[in-house]
Amino acid sequence: MGIAKVTRNYQVTIPKDVRRIYGITEGDTLLFAIEGENVHLLKMKEDIIDKAFGSWAIKETGVEYVKRIRKEWGKREQRIWSSPRQ
């Protein structure tokens, strides 16, 4: 366990023994979790930004999207016009 001091730029150096025990290396993402009066520092297993980006990943181009939507609307239109009228 170690003690660290906050610099004037609000930076903290993680003590060597803590880095070694938890395998923290340069470039790792750490999460500051606040619980009451305490702050817990957690090492993220995978970058939270990369993980979130997966939910926004584009699986098709704009042109492919428009073609797919037009095709779906074409099918709907055929269903509407081919249904028996009252």
PDB file of N, CA and C in Angstrom:
ATOM      1  N   MET A   1       0.854  -1.171   0.000  1.00  0.00           N
ATOM      2  CA  MET A   1       0.000   0.000   0.000  1.00  0.00           C
ATOM      3  C   MET A   1       0.895   1.227   0.000  1.00  0.00           C
ATOM      4  N   GLY A   2       0.428   2.283  -0.603  1.00  0.00           N
ATOM      5  CA  GLY A   2       1.235   3.489  -0.665  1.00  0.00           C
ATOM      6  C   GLY A   2       0.386   4.730  -0.493  1.00  0.00           C
ATOM      7  N   ILE A   3       1.065   5.827  -0.389  1.00  0.00           N
ATOM      8  CA  ILE A   3       0.405   7.123  -0.243  1.00  0.00           C
ATOM      9  C   ILE A   3       0.839   7.992  -1.410  1.00  0.00           C
ATOM     10  N   ALA A   4      -0.110   8.743  -1.959  1.00  0.00           N
ATOM     11  CA  ALA A   4       0.199   9.636  -3.076  1.00  0.00           C
ATOM     12  C   ALA A   4      -0.338  11.017  -2.758  1.00  0.00           C
ATOM     13  N   LYS A   5       0.308  12.010  -3.313  1.00  0.00           N
ATOM     14  CA  LYS A   5      -0.095  13.392  -3.099  1.00  0.00           C
ATOM     15  C   LYS A   5      -0.653  13.946  -4.412  1.00  0.00           C
ATOM     16  N   VAL A   6      -1.686  14.756  -4.312  1.00  0.00           N
ATOM     17  CA  VAL A   6      -2.283  15.383  -5.488  1.00  0.00           C
ATOM     18  C   VAL A   6      -1.452  16.609  -5.852  1.00  0.00           C
ATOM     19  N   THR A   7      -1.045  16.695  -7.129  1.00  0.00           N
ATOM     20  CA  THR A   7      -0.246  17.836  -7.582  1.00  0.00           C
ATOM     21  C   THR A   7      -1.153  19.032  -7.859  1.00  0.00           C
ATOM     22  N   ARG A   8      -0.552  20.169  -8.184  1.00  0.00           N
ATOM     23  CA  ARG A   8      -1.349  21.369  -8.451  1.00  0.00           C
ATOM     24  C   ARG A   8      -2.217  21.210  -9.697  1.00  0.00           C
ATOM     25  N   ASN A   9      -1.867  20.261 -10.571  1.00  0.00           N
ATOM     26  CA  ASN A   9      -2.681  19.967 -11.755  1.00  0.00           C
ATOM     27  C   ASN A   9      -3.660  18.820 -11.488  1.00  0.00           C
ATOM     28  N   TYR A  10      -3.858  18.487 -10.228  1.00  0.00           N
ATOM     29  CA  TYR A  10      -4.764  17.421  -9.783  1.00  0.00           C
ATOM     30  C   TYR A  10      -4.364  16.054 -10.320  1.00  0.00           C
ATOM     31  N   GLN A  11      -3.076  15.812 -10.453  1.00  0.00           N
ATOM     32  CA  GLN A  11      -2.576  14.518 -10.891  1.00  0.00           C
ATOM     33  C   GLN A  11      -2.079  13.733  -9.685  1.00  0.00           C
ATOM     34  N   VAL A  12      -2.176  12.408  -9.799  1.00  0.00           N
ATOM     35  CA  VAL A  12      -1.731  11.520  -8.729  1.00  0.00           C
ATOM     36  C   VAL A  12      -0.843  10.449  -9.352  1.00  0.00           C
ATOM     37  N   THR A  13       0.297  10.181  -8.729  1.00  0.00           N
ATOM     38  CA  THR A  13       1.156   9.083  -9.176  1.00  0.00           C
ATOM     39  C   THR A  13       0.785   7.851  -8.365  1.00  0.00           C
ATOM     40  N   ILE A  14       0.450   6.782  -9.060  1.00  0.00           N
ATOM     41  CA  ILE A  14       0.080   5.543  -8.380  1.00  0.00           C
ATOM     42  C   ILE A  14       1.367   4.892  -7.880  1.00  0.00           C
ATOM     43  N   PRO A  15       1.431   4.575  -6.587  1.00  0.00           N
ATOM     44  CA  PRO A  15       2.648   3.984  -6.022  1.00  0.00           C
ATOM     45  C   PRO A  15       3.062   2.703  -6.752  1.00  0.00           C
ATOM     46  N   LYS A  16       4.361   2.478  -6.811  1.00  0.00           N
ATOM     47  CA  LYS A  16       4.930   1.359  -7.553  1.00  0.00           C
ATOM     48  C   LYS A  16       4.374   0.011  -7.099  1.00  0.00           C
ATOM     49  N   ASP A  17       4.275  -0.194  -5.778  1.00  0.00           N
ATOM     50  CA  ASP A  17       3.780  -1.488  -5.297  1.00  0.00           C
ATOM     51  C   ASP A  17       2.327  -1.725  -5.719  1.00  0.00           C
ATOM     52  N   VAL A  18       1.517  -0.679  -5.746  1.00  0.00           N
ATOM     53  CA  VAL A  18       0.117  -0.807  -6.172  1.00  0.00           C
ATOM     54  C   VAL A  18       0.070  -1.135  -7.666  1.00  0.00           C
ATOM     55  N   ARG A  19       0.891  -0.453  -8.463  1.00  0.00           N
ATOM     56  CA  ARG A  19       0.949  -0.727  -9.908  1.00  0.00           C
ATOM     57  C   ARG A  19       1.360  -2.172 -10.164  1.00  0.00           C
ATOM     58  N   ARG A  20       2.338  -2.630  -9.401  1.00  0.00           N
ATOM     59  CA  ARG A  20       2.841  -3.994  -9.582  1.00  0.00           C
ATOM     60  C   ARG A  20       1.787  -5.027  -9.187  1.00  0.00           C
ATOM     61  N   ILE A  21       1.163  -4.848  -8.037  1.00  0.00           N
ATOM     62  CA  ILE A  21       0.167  -5.806  -7.545  1.00  0.00           C
ATOM     63  C   ILE A  21      -1.016  -5.921  -8.503  1.00  0.00           C
ATOM     64  N   TYR A  22      -1.488  -4.789  -9.006  1.00  0.00           N
ATOM     65  CA  TYR A  22      -2.678  -4.790  -9.863  1.00  0.00           C
ATOM     66  C   TYR A  22      -2.349  -4.801 -11.352  1.00  0.00           C
ATOM     67  N   GLY A  23      -1.066  -4.842 -11.682  1.00  0.00           N
ATOM     68  CA  GLY A  23      -0.671  -4.927 -13.086  1.00  0.00           C
ATOM     69  C   GLY A  23      -1.039  -3.694 -13.890  1.00  0.00           C
ATOM     70  N   ILE A  24      -0.965  -2.533 -13.258  1.00  0.00           N
ATOM     71  CA  ILE A  24      -1.306  -1.284 -13.937  1.00  0.00           C
ATOM     72  C   ILE A  24      -0.095  -0.818 -14.733  1.00  0.00           C
ATOM     73  N   THR A  25      -0.318  -0.590 -16.025  1.00  0.00           N
ATOM     74  CA  THR A  25       0.757  -0.121 -16.892  1.00  0.00           C
ATOM     75  C   THR A  25       0.315   1.142 -17.618  1.00  0.00           C
ATOM     76  N   GLU A  26       1.264   1.795 -18.251  1.00  0.00           N
ATOM     77  CA  GLU A  26       0.978   3.022 -18.986  1.00  0.00           C
ATOM     78  C   GLU A  26      -0.074   2.748 -20.060  1.00  0.00           C
ATOM     79  N   GLY A  27      -1.072   3.607 -20.124  1.00  0.00           N
ATOM     80  CA  GLY A  27      -2.131   3.463 -21.115  1.00  0.00           C
ATOM     81  C   GLY A  27      -3.366   2.747 -20.598  1.00  0.00           C
ATOM     82  N   ASP A  28      -3.281   2.123 -19.415  1.00  0.00           N
ATOM     83  CA  ASP A  28      -4.455   1.459 -18.844  1.00  0.00           C
ATOM     84  C   ASP A  28      -5.518   2.492 -18.489  1.00  0.00           C
ATOM     85  N   THR A  29      -6.776   2.060 -18.520  1.00  0.00           N
ATOM     86  CA  THR A  29      -7.885   2.925 -18.138  1.00  0.00           C
ATOM     87  C   THR A  29      -8.298   2.579 -16.718  1.00  0.00           C
ATOM     88  N   LEU A  30      -8.413   3.604 -15.882  1.00  0.00           N
ATOM     89  CA  LEU A  30      -8.805   3.414 -14.489  1.00  0.00           C
ATOM     90  C   LEU A  30     -10.125   4.136 -14.243  1.00  0.00           C
ATOM     91  N   LEU A  31     -10.961   3.545 -13.416  1.00  0.00           N
ATOM     92  CA  LEU A  31     -12.259   4.120 -13.084  1.00  0.00           C
ATOM     93  C   LEU A  31     -12.224   4.598 -11.641  1.00  0.00           C
ATOM     94  N   PHE A  32     -12.641   5.832 -11.419  1.00  0.00           N
ATOM     95  CA  PHE A  32     -12.750   6.376 -10.071  1.00  0.00           C
ATOM     96  C   PHE A  32     -14.197   6.198  -9.625  1.00  0.00           C
ATOM     97  N   ALA A  33     -14.422   5.297  -8.669  1.00  0.00           N
ATOM     98  CA  ALA A  33     -15.764   5.024  -8.165  1.00  0.00           C
ATOM     99  C   ALA A  33     -15.918   5.690  -6.802  1.00  0.00           C
ATOM    100  N   ILE A  34     -16.945   6.508  -6.668  1.00  0.00           N
ATOM    101  CA  ILE A  34     -17.184   7.230  -5.416  1.00  0.00           C
ATOM    102  C   ILE A  34     -18.229   6.472  -4.612  1.00  0.00           C
ATOM    103  N   GLU A  35     -17.888   6.205  -3.362  1.00  0.00           N
ATOM    104  CA  GLU A  35     -18.788   5.506  -2.454  1.00  0.00           C
ATOM    105  C   GLU A  35     -18.759   6.245  -1.121  1.00  0.00           C
ATOM    106  N   GLY A  36     -19.769   7.065  -0.901  1.00  0.00           N
ATOM    107  CA  GLY A  36     -19.804   7.872   0.313  1.00  0.00           C
ATOM    108  C   GLY A  36     -18.655   8.859   0.332  1.00  0.00           C
ATOM    109  N   GLU A  37     -17.819   8.780   1.357  1.00  0.00           N
ATOM    110  CA  GLU A  37     -16.665   9.673   1.504  1.00  0.00           C
ATOM    111  C   GLU A  37     -15.406   9.100   0.857  1.00  0.00           C
ATOM    112  N   ASN A  38     -15.503   7.896   0.301  1.00  0.00           N
ATOM    113  CA  ASN A  38     -14.329   7.205  -0.243  1.00  0.00           C
ATOM    114  C   ASN A  38     -14.318   7.212  -1.769  1.00  0.00           C
ATOM    115  N   VAL A  39     -13.120   7.178  -2.317  1.00  0.00           N
ATOM    116  CA  VAL A  39     -12.933   7.044  -3.760  1.00  0.00           C
ATOM    117  C   VAL A  39     -12.175   5.744  -3.994  1.00  0.00           C
ATOM    118  N   HIS A  40     -12.754   4.862  -4.799  1.00  0.00           N
ATOM    119  CA  HIS A  40     -12.116   3.590  -5.131  1.00  0.00           C
ATOM    120  C   HIS A  40     -11.566   3.684  -6.546  1.00  0.00           C
ATOM    121  N   LEU A  41     -10.376   3.179  -6.745  1.00  0.00           N
ATOM    122  CA  LEU A  41      -9.732   3.187  -8.048  1.00  0.00           C
ATOM    123  C   LEU A  41      -9.789   1.769  -8.602  1.00  0.00           C
ATOM    124  N   LEU A  42     -10.441   1.602  -9.749  1.00  0.00           N
ATOM    125  CA  LEU A  42     -10.616   0.282 -10.342  1.00  0.00           C
ATOM    126  C   LEU A  42      -9.969   0.230 -11.717  1.00  0.00           C
ATOM    127  N   LYS A  43      -9.235  -0.843 -11.984  1.00  0.00           N
ATOM    128  CA  LYS A  43      -8.631  -1.024 -13.305  1.00  0.00           C
ATOM    129  C   LYS A  43      -9.689  -1.626 -14.221  1.00  0.00           C
ATOM    130  N   MET A  44      -9.893  -0.982 -15.367  1.00  0.00           N
ATOM    131  CA  MET A  44     -10.865  -1.478 -16.329  1.00  0.00           C
ATOM    132  C   MET A  44     -10.225  -2.608 -17.129  1.00  0.00           C
ATOM    133  N   LYS A  45     -10.982  -3.694 -17.307  1.00  0.00           N
ATOM    134  CA  LYS A  45     -10.457  -4.823 -18.069  1.00  0.00           C
ATOM    135  C   LYS A  45     -10.375  -4.489 -19.550  1.00  0.00           C
ATOM    136  N   GLU A  46     -11.316  -3.667 -20.019  1.00  0.00           N
ATOM    137  CA  GLU A  46     -11.250  -3.223 -21.407  1.00  0.00           C
ATOM    138  C   GLU A  46     -11.637  -1.759 -21.429  1.00  0.00           C
ATOM    139  N   ASP A  47     -11.106  -1.043 -22.359  1.00  0.00           N
ATOM    140  CA  ASP A  47     -11.329   0.396 -22.427  1.00  0.00           C
ATOM    141  C   ASP A  47     -12.820   0.686 -22.548  1.00  0.00           C
ATOM    142  N   ILE A  48     -13.349   1.478 -21.634  1.00  0.00           N
ATOM    143  CA  ILE A  48     -14.775   1.786 -21.599  1.00  0.00           C
ATOM    144  C   ILE A  48     -15.229   2.502 -22.872  1.00  0.00           C
ATOM    145  N   ILE A  49     -14.369   3.306 -23.453  1.00  0.00           N
ATOM    146  CA  ILE A  49     -14.708   4.006 -24.694  1.00  0.00           C
ATOM    147  C   ILE A  49     -14.831   3.005 -25.836  1.00  0.00           C
ATOM    148  N   ASP A  50     -13.869   2.083 -25.935  1.00  0.00           N
ATOM    149  CA  ASP A  50     -13.934   1.063 -26.985  1.00  0.00           C
ATOM    150  C   ASP A  50     -15.167   0.192 -26.814  1.00  0.00           C
ATOM    151  N   LYS A  51     -15.490  -0.137 -25.572  1.00  0.00           N
ATOM    152  CA  LYS A  51     -16.658  -0.964 -25.307  1.00  0.00           C
ATOM    153  C   LYS A  51     -17.931  -0.235 -25.722  1.00  0.00           C
ATOM    154  N   ALA A  52     -18.038   1.032 -25.382  1.00  0.00           N
ATOM    155  CA  ALA A  52     -19.217   1.815 -25.748  1.00  0.00           C
ATOM    156  C   ALA A  52     -19.298   2.007 -27.252  1.00  0.00           C
ATOM    157  N   PHE A  53     -18.153   2.160 -27.917  1.00  0.00           N
ATOM    158  CA  PHE A  53     -18.156   2.387 -29.359  1.00  0.00           C
ATOM    159  C   PHE A  53     -18.797   1.227 -30.094  1.00  0.00           C
ATOM    160  N   GLY A  54     -18.666   0.024 -29.560  1.00  0.00           N
ATOM    161  CA  GLY A  54     -19.273  -1.141 -30.196  1.00  0.00           C
ATOM    162  C   GLY A  54     -20.774  -1.006 -30.338  1.00  0.00           C
ATOM    163  N   SER A  55     -21.404  -0.302 -29.412  1.00  0.00           N
ATOM    164  CA  SER A  55     -22.850  -0.120 -29.507  1.00  0.00           C
ATOM    165  C   SER A  55     -23.214   0.881 -30.587  1.00  0.00           C
ATOM    166  N   TRP A  56     -22.245   1.699 -31.007  1.00  0.00           N
ATOM    167  CA  TRP A  56     -22.500   2.691 -32.058  1.00  0.00           C
ATOM    168  C   TRP A  56     -21.894   2.277 -33.390  1.00  0.00           C
ATOM    169  N   ALA A  57     -21.254   1.128 -33.425  1.00  0.00           N
ATOM    170  CA  ALA A  57     -20.563   0.709 -34.643  1.00  0.00           C
ATOM    171  C   ALA A  57     -21.547   0.608 -35.805  1.00  0.00           C
ATOM    172  N   ILE A  58     -21.162   1.155 -36.926  1.00  0.00           N
ATOM    173  CA  ILE A  58     -22.011   1.148 -38.109  1.00  0.00           C
ATOM    174  C   ILE A  58     -21.753  -0.147 -38.865  1.00  0.00           C
ATOM    175  N   LYS A  59     -22.817  -0.887 -39.091  1.00  0.00           N
ATOM    176  CA  LYS A  59     -22.684  -2.175 -39.743  1.00  0.00           C
ATOM    177  C   LYS A  59     -22.928  -2.082 -41.243  1.00  0.00           C
ATOM    178  N   GLU A  60     -23.480  -0.966 -41.694  1.00  0.00           N
ATOM    179  CA  GLU A  60     -23.732  -0.787 -43.119  1.00  0.00           C
ATOM    180  C   GLU A  60     -23.496   0.666 -43.502  1.00  0.00           C
ATOM    181  N   THR A  61     -23.217   0.881 -44.770  1.00  0.00           N
ATOM    182  CA  THR A  61     -22.993   2.248 -45.239  1.00  0.00           C
ATOM    183  C   THR A  61     -24.335   2.953 -45.378  1.00  0.00           C
ATOM    184  N   GLY A  62     -24.292   4.254 -45.585  1.00  0.00           N
ATOM    185  CA  GLY A  62     -25.519   5.024 -45.775  1.00  0.00           C
ATOM    186  C   GLY A  62     -26.305   4.547 -46.978  1.00  0.00           C
ATOM    187  N   VAL A  63     -25.603   4.234 -48.058  1.00  0.00           N
ATOM    188  CA  VAL A  63     -26.260   3.758 -49.285  1.00  0.00           C
ATOM    189  C   VAL A  63     -26.937   2.413 -49.027  1.00  0.00           C
ATOM    190  N   GLU A  64     -26.244   1.514 -48.335  1.00  0.00           N
ATOM    191  CA  GLU A  64     -26.827   0.205 -48.017  1.00  0.00           C
ATOM    192  C   GLU A  64     -28.064   0.366 -47.139  1.00  0.00           C
ATOM    193  N   TYR A  65     -28.002   1.293 -46.196  1.00  0.00           N
ATOM    194  CA  TYR A  65     -29.139   1.550 -45.314  1.00  0.00           C
ATOM    195  C   TYR A  65     -30.346   2.028 -46.116  1.00  0.00           C
ATOM    196  N   VAL A  66     -30.145   2.992 -47.010  1.00  0.00           N
ATOM    197  CA  VAL A  66     -31.249   3.528 -47.816  1.00  0.00           C
ATOM    198  C   VAL A  66     -31.842   2.429 -48.691  1.00  0.00           C
ATOM    199  N   LYS A  67     -30.998   1.608 -49.304  1.00  0.00           N
ATOM    200  CA  LYS A  67     -31.496   0.513 -50.147  1.00  0.00           C
ATOM    201  C   LYS A  67     -32.336  -0.462 -49.331  1.00  0.00           C
ATOM    202  N   ARG A  68     -31.859  -0.782 -48.125  1.00  0.00           N
ATOM    203  CA  ARG A  68     -32.590  -1.727 -47.272  1.00  0.00           C
ATOM    204  C   ARG A  68     -33.942  -1.157 -46.872  1.00  0.00           C
ATOM    205  N   ILE A  69     -33.982   0.103 -46.485  1.00  0.00           N
ATOM    206  CA  ILE A  69     -35.240   0.738 -46.081  1.00  0.00           C
ATOM    207  C   ILE A  69     -36.213   0.800 -47.255  1.00  0.00           C
ATOM    208  N   ARG A  70     -35.721   1.171 -48.437  1.00  0.00           N
ATOM    209  CA  ARG A  70     -36.585   1.241 -49.623  1.00  0.00           C
ATOM    210  C   ARG A  70     -37.158  -0.134 -49.960  1.00  0.00           C
ATOM    211  N   LYS A  71     -36.336  -1.163 -49.830  1.00  0.00           N
ATOM    212  CA  LYS A  71     -36.794  -2.525 -50.102  1.00  0.00           C
ATOM    213  C   LYS A  71     -37.896  -2.921 -49.117  1.00  0.00           C
ATOM    214  N   GLU A  72     -37.702  -2.596 -47.831  1.00  0.00           N
ATOM    215  CA  GLU A  72     -38.715  -2.903 -46.816  1.00  0.00           C
ATOM    216  C   GLU A  72     -40.019  -2.167 -47.106  1.00  0.00           C
ATOM    217  N   TRP A  73     -39.924  -0.894 -47.497  1.00  0.00           N
ATOM    218  CA  TRP A  73     -41.131  -0.131 -47.814  1.00  0.00           C
ATOM    219  C   TRP A  73     -41.805  -0.685 -49.067  1.00  0.00           C
ATOM    220  N   GLY A  74     -41.010  -1.169 -50.012  1.00  0.00           N
ATOM    221  CA  GLY A  74     -41.578  -1.788 -51.211  1.00  0.00           C
ATOM    222  C   GLY A  74     -42.386  -3.020 -50.851  1.00  0.00           C
ATOM    223  N   LYS A  75     -41.869  -3.841 -49.937  1.00  0.00           N
ATOM    224  CA  LYS A  75     -42.593  -5.036 -49.488  1.00  0.00           C
ATOM    225  C   LYS A  75     -43.890  -4.644 -48.787  1.00  0.00           C
ATOM    226  N   ARG A  76     -43.841  -3.617 -47.968  1.00  0.00           N
ATOM    227  CA  ARG A  76     -45.049  -3.158 -47.267  1.00  0.00           C
ATOM    228  C   ARG A  76     -46.094  -2.663 -48.262  1.00  0.00           C
ATOM    229  N   GLU A  77     -45.613  -1.920 -49.251  1.00  0.00           N
ATOM    230  CA  GLU A  77     -46.525  -1.378 -50.257  1.00  0.00           C
ATOM    231  C   GLU A  77     -47.210  -2.510 -51.015  1.00  0.00           C
ATOM    232  N   GLN A  78     -46.457  -3.546 -51.371  1.00  0.00           N
ATOM    233  CA  GLN A  78     -47.039  -4.694 -52.070  1.00  0.00           C
ATOM    234  C   GLN A  78     -48.084  -5.385 -51.207  1.00  0.00           C
ATOM    235  N   ARG A  79     -47.795  -5.538 -49.920  1.00  0.00           N
ATOM    236  CA  ARG A  79     -48.752  -6.170 -49.003  1.00  0.00           C
ATOM    237  C   ARG A  79     -50.039  -5.369 -48.928  1.00  0.00           C
ATOM    238  N   ILE A  80     -49.891  -4.050 -48.847  1.00  0.00           N
ATOM    239  CA  ILE A  80     -51.074  -3.184 -48.730  1.00  0.00           C
ATOM    240  C   ILE A  80     -51.924  -3.280 -49.989  1.00  0.00           C
ATOM    241  N   TRP A  81     -51.305  -3.207 -51.163  1.00  0.00           N
ATOM    242  CA  TRP A  81     -52.058  -3.202 -52.416  1.00  0.00           C
ATOM    243  C   TRP A  81     -52.578  -4.579 -52.791  1.00  0.00           C
ATOM    244  N   SER A  82     -51.956  -5.626 -52.292  1.00  0.00           N
ATOM    245  CA  SER A  82     -52.410  -6.976 -52.641  1.00  0.00           C
ATOM    246  C   SER A  82     -53.433  -7.524 -51.650  1.00  0.00           C
ATOM    247  N   SER A  83     -53.667  -6.836 -50.549  1.00  0.00           N
ATOM    248  CA  SER A  83     -54.647  -7.319 -49.570  1.00  0.00           C
ATOM    249  C   SER A  83     -56.057  -7.090 -50.109  1.00  0.00           C
ATOM    250  N   PRO A  84     -56.992  -8.012 -49.794  1.00  0.00           N
ATOM    251  CA  PRO A  84     -58.374  -7.860 -50.284  1.00  0.00           C
ATOM    252  C   PRO A  84     -59.008  -6.589 -49.725  1.00  0.00           C
ATOM    253  N   ARG A  85     -59.735  -5.907 -50.588  1.00  0.00           N
ATOM    254  CA  ARG A  85     -60.375  -4.655 -50.170  1.00  0.00           C
ATOM    255  C   ARG A  85     -61.820  -4.920 -49.805  1.00  0.00           C
ATOM    256  N   GLN A  86     -62.303  -4.170 -48.883  1.00  0.00           N
ATOM    257  CA  GLN A  86     -63.682  -4.314 -48.400  1.00  0.00           C
ATOM    258  C   GLN A  86     -64.630  -3.494 -49.223  1.00  0.00           C
TER     259      GLN A  86
END
